[in-house]
Amino acid sequence: MSEQFSFQTRLLHNNQKFDKETGAVSVPIQHASTFHQFDFDQFGTFDYGRSGNPTRAALEETIAELEGGVQGFAFASGMAAISTAFMLLSKGDHVVVTTDVYGGTFRFVTKVLSRLGIEYTFVDMTNLDDVEAGIQENTKVIYVETPSNPTMKITNLKEVVALAKKYECLTFVDNTFMTPALQRPIELGVDVVLHSATKFISGHSDVIAGLAVVKDEELAEQLAFLQNSFGSVLGVQDCWLVLRGLKTLHVRMEHSSKAAYELALWLKEQSEVERVYYPGLEGHPGYDIQQEQSDGFGAVLSFELKDKDAVRQFVNNVKVPVFAVSLGAVESILSYPATMSHAAMPGEERQQRGITDGLLRLSVGLESVEDIKKDFSNAFESLAVTK
């Protein structure tokens, strides 16, 4: 697809704009588990559904083009994408991981990679000296989330990439919060970009999916081997749903990010809120870095109330957001990291990372921001009544 078009236009006008055989303006869903071979000596592009499928290939090509990589991969979940990428490591290798990483990633690193003889070190990725100090002779990967989940810390990707090149290791970036609509890590030199496509990319709370994109052919060959070997591929119906969600990604991210910024400013002024975490606030430590490496600040923020009782009272009184695991949907989703996204992380570890019992995470959807403010105001009033 010609690079003359903007990202917004390329979401709709790409190689999957219409079916080349029929002209259909929706990618066909190919349910076949196996494919007839017309030549005894030379097989076609597809032979068995685990190894490849036309519908999945359409999604993989699309996400690779949008992220600026050479090849994309679709998995059965975000964690399937992350865990398969980690299998690029071998026994005796070491990985440096951002401290406030998603709880599922924390669990995989500490409970699975460790059993396979792969070592790890958690570091504060906002401090480049700490990152460098965490690198060992056997370090093979630096794993980044930016913004981090749920305290919204920002890592300088260019600096981490330069450090990784210095020590000859790979960089993995979880880009779930930003999506390629707002941040394209491969353009900054990152080797592997990962997504829980369950979130903003599909955007409608109706599919579980994971995506990975790599920057060069050698990595593409290695990850393709692992994808086929593990077999945790995305089903064709879900591939189609993700492709459909991508078409509205730009407009959804634009609305939700604008609303998140307005809510972050508003929450800062509420007496019941002790702290707001959002990289779009000028006082945020990563504000300047985020402006430099991304096209926006995203639609997720976190805010802290006094304690767990205040959180419980607030959650019981809000009406607009669903109170649920996950994020990145058309409806606003309010989550309690301590028992949801980071339940796999021991309490002491959570506290060290700033994931307190008073912390709530809000993924802003497509509702009227004024309705959310009114709803939250009513819930805050309930806190005042119980004081």
Protein backbone atom coordinates (compact mmCIF):
# COMPACT_ATOMS: atom_id res chain seq x y z
CA MET A 1 0.00 0.00 0.00
CA SER A 2 1.30 3.43 -0.90
CA GLU A 3 2.84 5.34 1.97
CA GLN A 4 1.26 8.53 0.61
CA PHE A 5 -1.79 7.88 2.79
CA SER A 6 -2.05 8.67 6.48
CA PHE A 7 -2.35 5.98 9.13
CA GLN A 8 -6.05 6.81 9.47
CA THR A 9 -6.66 6.12 5.79
CA ARG A 10 -4.45 3.04 5.67
CA LEU A 11 -6.64 1.38 8.30
CA LEU A 12 -9.29 1.16 5.57
CA HIS A 13 -7.35 1.31 2.33
CA ASN A 14 -4.74 -1.44 2.52
CA ASN A 15 -4.13 -4.74 0.79
CA GLN A 16 -7.26 -6.12 2.44
CA LYS A 17 -9.49 -3.32 1.09
CA PHE A 18 -11.42 -5.84 -1.02
CA ASP A 19 -11.17 -9.49 -1.98
CA LYS A 20 -9.11 -9.85 -5.15
CA GLU A 21 -11.32 -12.62 -6.57
CA THR A 22 -14.84 -11.39 -5.80
CA GLY A 23 -14.45 -7.69 -4.99
CA ALA A 24 -16.07 -8.23 -1.57
CA VAL A 25 -15.21 -5.34 0.76
CA SER A 26 -14.90 -7.70 3.73
CA VAL A 27 -12.12 -10.25 4.12
CA PRO A 28 -13.52 -13.77 3.50
CA ILE A 29 -13.57 -16.13 6.47
CA GLN A 30 -11.86 -19.33 5.38
CA HIS A 31 -12.80 -22.15 7.74
CA ALA A 32 -10.75 -24.86 6.03
CA SER A 33 -8.49 -26.87 8.33
CA THR A 34 -6.58 -28.36 5.40
CA PHE A 35 -5.91 -27.42 1.80
CA HIS A 36 -5.77 -29.52 -1.38
CA GLN A 37 -2.36 -29.57 -3.04
CA PHE A 38 -2.43 -29.36 -6.84
CA ASP A 39 1.17 -30.41 -7.34
CA PHE A 40 2.76 -33.53 -5.85
CA ASP A 41 6.22 -31.97 -5.69
CA GLN A 42 5.42 -28.36 -4.80
CA PHE A 43 2.81 -27.42 -2.20
CA GLY A 44 0.87 -24.18 -2.27
CA THR A 45 1.02 -21.31 0.22
CA PHE A 46 -1.38 -23.06 2.60
CA ASP A 47 -1.36 -26.72 3.59
CA TYR A 48 -2.68 -27.04 7.16
CA GLY A 49 -4.68 -24.53 9.20
CA ARG A 50 -2.28 -24.33 12.14
CA SER A 51 0.57 -23.40 9.82
CA GLY A 52 -1.39 -20.81 7.88
CA ASN A 53 -4.85 -19.65 6.85
CA PRO A 54 -5.91 -16.95 4.35
CA THR A 55 -8.02 -15.05 6.90
CA ARG A 56 -5.27 -15.14 9.50
CA ALA A 57 -2.72 -14.15 6.85
CA ALA A 58 -4.83 -11.08 6.03
CA LEU A 59 -4.71 -9.95 9.67
CA GLU A 60 -1.01 -10.72 10.02
CA GLU A 61 -0.15 -8.77 6.89
CA THR A 62 -2.30 -5.82 8.00
CA ILE A 63 -0.79 -5.48 11.49
CA ALA A 64 2.74 -5.81 10.09
CA GLU A 65 2.07 -3.00 7.62
CA LEU A 66 0.53 -0.76 10.30
CA GLU A 67 3.41 -1.33 12.75
CA GLY A 68 6.07 -0.97 10.06
CA GLY A 69 7.46 -4.50 10.46
CA VAL A 70 8.30 -7.24 7.99
CA GLN A 71 5.88 -9.88 9.30
CA GLY A 72 2.98 -10.16 11.73
CA PHE A 73 1.71 -13.11 13.75
CA ALA A 74 -1.76 -13.70 15.20
CA PHE A 75 -2.15 -15.70 18.42
CA ALA A 76 -4.96 -17.05 20.54
CA SER A 77 -4.41 -14.37 23.22
CA GLY A 78 -2.07 -11.58 24.22
CA MET A 79 -0.30 -13.92 26.62
CA ALA A 80 0.08 -16.50 23.84
CA ALA A 81 1.89 -13.85 21.78
CA ILE A 82 4.07 -12.80 24.72
CA SER A 83 4.93 -16.33 25.85
CA THR A 84 5.73 -17.49 22.31
CA ALA A 85 8.03 -14.50 21.81
CA PHE A 86 9.79 -15.36 25.07
CA MET A 87 10.50 -18.80 23.61
CA LEU A 88 13.12 -17.11 21.45
CA LEU A 89 15.16 -17.45 24.67
CA SER A 90 17.03 -20.60 25.72
CA LYS A 91 18.13 -22.15 28.98
CA GLY A 92 20.80 -20.03 30.61
CA ASP A 93 19.63 -16.78 29.01
CA HIS A 94 18.63 -13.71 30.98
CA VAL A 95 15.90 -11.10 30.42
CA VAL A 96 15.58 -7.59 31.84
CA VAL A 97 11.92 -6.70 32.47
CA THR A 98 10.20 -3.45 33.34
CA THR A 99 9.27 -3.41 37.03
CA ASP A 100 5.58 -2.56 36.78
CA VAL A 101 4.75 -5.06 34.10
CA TYR A 102 1.33 -6.61 33.43
CA GLY A 103 0.54 -9.28 36.02
CA GLY A 104 0.21 -12.08 33.46
CA THR A 105 3.65 -11.28 32.08
CA PHE A 106 5.05 -11.16 35.63
CA ARG A 107 3.57 -14.61 36.29
CA PHE A 108 5.00 -16.07 33.07
CA VAL A 109 8.48 -14.67 33.71
CA THR A 110 8.65 -15.67 37.38
CA LYS A 111 6.81 -19.00 37.28
CA VAL A 112 7.45 -20.40 33.80
CA LEU A 113 10.67 -18.95 32.40
CA SER A 114 12.37 -19.60 35.74
CA ARG A 115 11.47 -23.32 35.51
CA LEU A 116 13.08 -23.41 32.08
CA GLY A 117 16.37 -22.08 33.44
CA ILE A 118 15.88 -18.57 32.07
CA GLU A 119 16.91 -15.84 34.50
CA TYR A 120 15.27 -12.43 34.94
CA THR A 121 15.81 -9.05 36.57
CA PHE A 122 13.10 -6.42 37.11
CA VAL A 123 14.25 -2.82 36.77
CA ASP A 124 12.74 0.65 36.65
CA MET A 125 12.86 1.33 32.91
CA THR A 126 12.49 5.08 33.46
CA ASN A 127 16.06 5.05 34.79
CA LEU A 128 18.53 4.12 32.04
CA ASP A 129 21.30 3.56 34.59
CA ASP A 130 19.14 0.94 36.30
CA VAL A 131 18.46 -0.74 32.97
CA GLU A 132 22.17 -0.91 32.15
CA ALA A 133 22.98 -2.17 35.64
CA GLY A 134 20.44 -4.98 35.15
CA ILE A 135 22.08 -6.23 31.96
CA GLN A 136 24.28 -9.28 32.40
CA GLU A 137 26.60 -11.20 30.11
CA ASN A 138 23.78 -13.63 29.30
CA THR A 139 21.08 -10.99 28.77
CA LYS A 140 19.28 -11.65 25.50
CA VAL A 141 16.11 -9.53 25.79
CA ILE A 142 15.03 -6.21 27.30
CA TYR A 143 11.25 -6.33 27.79
CA VAL A 144 9.39 -3.01 27.95
CA GLU A 145 5.84 -1.81 28.60
CA THR A 146 5.31 1.84 27.88
CA PRO A 147 3.09 3.24 29.22
CA SER A 148 3.38 0.66 31.96
CA ASN A 149 0.41 -1.09 33.49
CA PRO A 150 -1.14 0.34 35.67
CA THR A 151 1.07 3.21 36.93
CA MET A 152 1.61 4.65 33.44
CA LYS A 153 5.39 5.04 33.56
CA ILE A 154 7.07 6.02 30.30
CA THR A 155 10.22 4.37 28.98
CA ASN A 156 12.46 6.17 26.50
CA LEU A 157 12.45 3.64 23.68
CA LYS A 158 15.28 5.18 21.66
CA GLU A 159 17.59 5.07 24.67
CA VAL A 160 16.68 1.47 25.53
CA VAL A 161 17.18 0.41 21.91
CA ALA A 162 20.62 2.05 21.89
CA LEU A 163 21.50 0.21 25.09
CA ALA A 164 20.26 -3.09 23.67
CA LYS A 165 22.42 -2.65 20.57
CA LYS A 166 25.43 -1.86 22.77
CA TYR A 167 25.01 -5.17 24.61
CA GLU A 168 23.75 -7.14 21.60
CA CYS A 169 20.33 -8.09 22.93
CA LEU A 170 16.80 -7.85 21.57
CA THR A 171 14.07 -5.41 22.58
CA PHE A 172 10.45 -6.50 23.09
CA VAL A 173 7.76 -3.84 23.59
CA ASP A 174 4.19 -4.44 24.73
CA ASN A 175 2.32 -1.80 22.71
CA THR A 176 -1.19 -2.72 23.88
CA PHE A 177 -2.01 0.63 25.50
CA MET A 178 -0.90 2.75 22.54
CA THR A 179 -1.55 0.60 19.44
CA PRO A 180 0.15 1.58 16.16
CA ALA A 181 -2.35 4.46 15.94
CA LEU A 182 -0.34 6.30 18.60
CA GLN A 183 3.03 4.55 18.88
CA ARG A 184 5.09 2.49 16.45
CA PRO A 185 8.10 1.06 18.34
CA ILE A 186 9.65 -0.63 15.30
CA GLU A 187 10.19 2.83 13.78
CA LEU A 188 12.29 3.55 16.88
CA GLY A 189 14.41 0.41 16.40
CA VAL A 190 12.52 -2.11 18.56
CA ASP A 191 12.83 -5.76 17.46
CA VAL A 192 9.49 -7.27 18.50
CA VAL A 193 6.19 -5.48 19.16
CA LEU A 194 3.48 -7.31 21.10
CA HIS A 195 -0.23 -6.67 21.57
CA SER A 196 -3.15 -7.98 23.46
CA ALA A 197 -5.45 -7.37 20.49
CA THR A 198 -8.29 -8.18 22.86
CA LYS A 199 -7.99 -4.55 23.89
CA PHE A 200 -7.97 -1.42 21.70
CA ILE A 201 -7.14 -3.12 18.39
CA SER A 202 -10.34 -5.19 18.33
CA GLY A 203 -12.01 -2.76 20.69
CA HIS A 204 -15.42 -4.29 21.37
CA SER A 205 -14.97 -6.76 24.26
CA ASP A 206 -15.91 -9.65 22.00
CA VAL A 207 -12.65 -11.40 21.13
CA ILE A 208 -9.51 -12.75 22.82
CA ALA A 209 -6.48 -12.26 20.58
CA GLY A 210 -2.76 -11.54 20.52
CA LEU A 211 -0.48 -10.08 17.87
CA ALA A 212 3.25 -9.82 17.32
CA VAL A 213 5.24 -7.93 14.69
CA VAL A 214 8.98 -8.28 14.02
CA LYS A 215 11.38 -5.89 12.34
CA ASP A 216 13.57 -8.25 10.29
CA GLU A 217 13.42 -11.46 8.28
CA GLU A 218 15.63 -13.50 10.62
CA LEU A 219 13.32 -12.86 13.57
CA ALA A 220 10.32 -13.51 11.34
CA GLU A 221 11.64 -16.95 10.47
CA GLN A 222 12.33 -17.79 14.11
CA LEU A 223 8.95 -16.61 15.40
CA ALA A 224 7.10 -18.32 12.53
CA PHE A 225 8.75 -21.60 13.57
CA LEU A 226 7.66 -21.09 17.18
CA GLN A 227 4.12 -20.08 16.23
CA ASN A 228 3.73 -23.24 14.17
CA SER A 229 5.41 -25.40 16.82
CA PHE A 230 3.30 -24.19 19.76
CA GLY A 231 0.16 -23.88 17.68
CA SER A 232 -1.59 -21.25 19.79
CA VAL A 233 -2.91 -19.52 16.68
CA LEU A 234 -5.92 -17.25 16.38
CA GLY A 235 -9.09 -18.80 14.96
CA VAL A 236 -10.45 -17.43 11.70
CA GLN A 237 -13.67 -15.97 13.16
CA ASP A 238 -11.60 -14.04 15.70
CA CYS A 239 -9.16 -12.92 13.00
CA TRP A 240 -12.10 -11.42 11.13
CA LEU A 241 -13.35 -9.65 14.26
CA VAL A 242 -9.93 -8.12 14.86
CA LEU A 243 -9.74 -6.97 11.23
CA ARG A 244 -13.15 -5.35 11.59
CA GLY A 245 -12.11 -3.65 14.82
CA LEU A 246 -8.98 -2.23 13.18
CA LYS A 247 -11.10 -0.25 10.74
CA THR A 248 -12.37 2.03 13.51
CA LEU A 249 -9.15 2.08 15.58
CA HIS A 250 -8.16 5.65 14.75
CA VAL A 251 -11.50 7.25 15.51
CA ARG A 252 -11.91 5.24 18.72
CA MET A 253 -8.42 6.10 19.98
CA GLU A 254 -8.88 9.75 19.07
CA HIS A 255 -12.15 10.10 21.00
CA SER A 256 -11.13 8.01 23.99
CA SER A 257 -7.70 9.66 24.34
CA LYS A 258 -9.25 13.12 24.29
CA ALA A 259 -11.79 12.06 26.91
CA ALA A 260 -9.08 10.43 29.06
CA TYR A 261 -7.08 13.66 29.10
CA GLU A 262 -10.14 15.67 30.12
CA LEU A 263 -10.99 13.18 32.86
CA ALA A 264 -7.40 13.14 34.15
CA LEU A 265 -7.47 16.92 34.55
CA TRP A 266 -10.86 16.73 36.25
CA LEU A 267 -9.88 13.91 38.61
CA LYS A 268 -6.86 15.91 39.77
CA GLU A 269 -9.26 18.49 41.16
CA GLN A 270 -11.44 16.03 43.07
CA SER A 271 -10.77 16.02 46.83
CA GLU A 272 -11.42 12.28 47.08
CA VAL A 273 -8.62 11.51 44.58
CA GLU A 274 -5.12 11.38 46.06
CA ARG A 275 -3.18 10.90 42.84
CA VAL A 276 -3.74 10.60 39.09
CA TYR A 277 -1.46 8.65 36.74
CA TYR A 278 -1.70 9.78 33.11
CA PRO A 279 1.22 10.62 30.80
CA GLY A 280 -0.74 13.46 29.19
CA LEU A 281 -0.56 15.55 32.36
CA GLU A 282 2.26 18.07 32.16
CA GLY A 283 3.49 17.16 35.63
CA HIS A 284 3.97 13.50 34.64
CA PRO A 285 7.70 12.54 34.67
CA GLY A 286 7.40 10.96 31.22
CA TYR A 287 5.37 13.73 29.58
CA ASP A 288 8.15 15.05 27.32
CA ILE A 289 9.33 11.57 26.31
CA GLN A 290 5.80 10.50 25.46
CA GLN A 291 5.34 13.57 23.27
CA GLU A 292 8.55 12.78 21.43
CA GLN A 293 8.04 9.06 20.75
CA SER A 294 4.26 8.83 20.39
CA ASP A 295 1.38 10.54 18.64
CA GLY A 296 -0.75 10.79 21.76
CA PHE A 297 -1.15 9.87 25.40
CA GLY A 298 -3.68 7.06 25.17
CA ALA A 299 -7.05 6.28 26.69
CA VAL A 300 -5.98 4.63 29.96
CA LEU A 301 -5.40 6.36 33.28
CA SER A 302 -5.16 5.29 36.89
CA PHE A 303 -6.18 7.15 40.01
CA GLU A 304 -5.75 6.51 43.69
CA LEU A 305 -8.38 6.78 46.42
CA LYS A 306 -7.71 6.70 50.15
CA ASP A 307 -7.93 2.93 50.69
CA LYS A 308 -9.67 -0.29 49.74
CA ASP A 309 -12.90 0.67 51.51
CA ALA A 310 -13.09 3.88 49.50
CA VAL A 311 -12.53 1.90 46.30
CA ARG A 312 -15.27 -0.55 47.22
CA GLN A 313 -17.72 2.26 47.96
CA PHE A 314 -16.84 4.07 44.75
CA VAL A 315 -17.14 0.96 42.58
CA ASN A 316 -20.51 0.08 44.12
CA ASN A 317 -21.88 3.51 43.18
CA VAL A 318 -20.62 4.18 39.64
CA LYS A 319 -23.04 3.38 36.83
CA VAL A 320 -21.34 4.20 33.52
CA PRO A 321 -18.19 2.02 33.37
CA VAL A 322 -18.36 -1.72 33.65
CA PHE A 323 -16.31 -3.03 36.56
CA ALA A 324 -14.30 -5.73 34.88
CA VAL A 325 -10.99 -7.21 33.85
CA SER A 326 -9.57 -5.84 30.58
CA LEU A 327 -9.47 -2.46 28.84
CA GLY A 328 -9.57 -0.84 25.43
CA ALA A 329 -13.23 -1.25 24.56
CA VAL A 330 -16.03 0.97 23.29
CA GLU A 331 -17.45 0.96 26.81
CA SER A 332 -15.42 2.43 29.66
CA ILE A 333 -13.92 -0.25 31.89
CA LEU A 334 -13.03 0.32 35.53
CA SER A 335 -10.57 -2.19 36.98
CA TYR A 336 -9.03 -2.88 40.36
CA PRO A 337 -5.44 -3.95 39.58
CA ALA A 338 -4.79 -5.50 43.00
CA THR A 339 -7.34 -8.27 42.38
CA MET A 340 -7.64 -8.16 38.58
CA SER A 341 -4.77 -7.39 36.19
CA HIS A 342 -2.10 -7.89 38.88
CA ALA A 343 -3.70 -10.59 41.01
CA ALA A 344 -0.82 -12.90 40.04
CA MET A 345 1.64 -10.52 41.68
CA PRO A 346 2.25 -11.00 45.44
CA GLY A 347 0.98 -8.17 47.63
CA GLU A 348 4.45 -7.05 48.68
CA GLU A 349 5.56 -6.89 45.04
CA ARG A 350 2.47 -4.86 44.13
CA GLN A 351 3.06 -2.35 46.91
CA GLN A 352 6.69 -1.89 45.85
CA ARG A 353 5.46 -1.03 42.35
CA GLY A 354 2.93 1.52 43.58
CA ILE A 355 -0.06 -0.75 42.95
CA THR A 356 -1.78 0.11 46.21
CA ASP A 357 -5.11 -1.05 47.61
CA GLY A 358 -6.54 2.35 46.69
CA LEU A 359 -5.55 2.24 43.01
CA LEU A 360 -8.14 2.03 40.23
CA ARG A 361 -7.47 1.85 36.49
CA LEU A 362 -9.88 3.39 34.01
CA SER A 363 -9.98 2.62 30.31
CA VAL A 364 -12.06 5.37 28.76
CA GLY A 365 -14.59 4.33 26.15
CA LEU A 366 -16.86 6.22 23.77
CA GLU A 367 -19.40 7.61 26.22
CA SER A 368 -19.96 11.31 26.77
CA VAL A 369 -17.20 12.55 29.05
CA GLU A 370 -19.73 14.76 30.83
CA ASP A 371 -21.79 11.69 31.67
CA ILE A 372 -18.72 10.01 33.15
CA LYS A 373 -17.92 13.09 35.23
CA LYS A 374 -21.48 13.27 36.54
CA ASP A 375 -21.45 9.56 37.34
CA PHE A 376 -18.11 9.80 39.15
CA SER A 377 -19.27 12.90 41.05
CA ASN A 378 -22.25 10.99 42.37
CA ALA A 379 -19.98 8.13 43.43
CA PHE A 380 -17.58 10.55 45.16
CA GLU A 381 -20.52 12.02 47.06
CA SER A 382 -21.24 8.56 48.43
CA LEU A 383 -17.70 8.53 49.85
CA ALA A 384 -18.32 11.81 51.62
CA VAL A 385 -21.50 10.42 53.16
CA THR A 386 -19.65 7.45 54.65
CA LYS A 387 -16.85 9.55 56.21
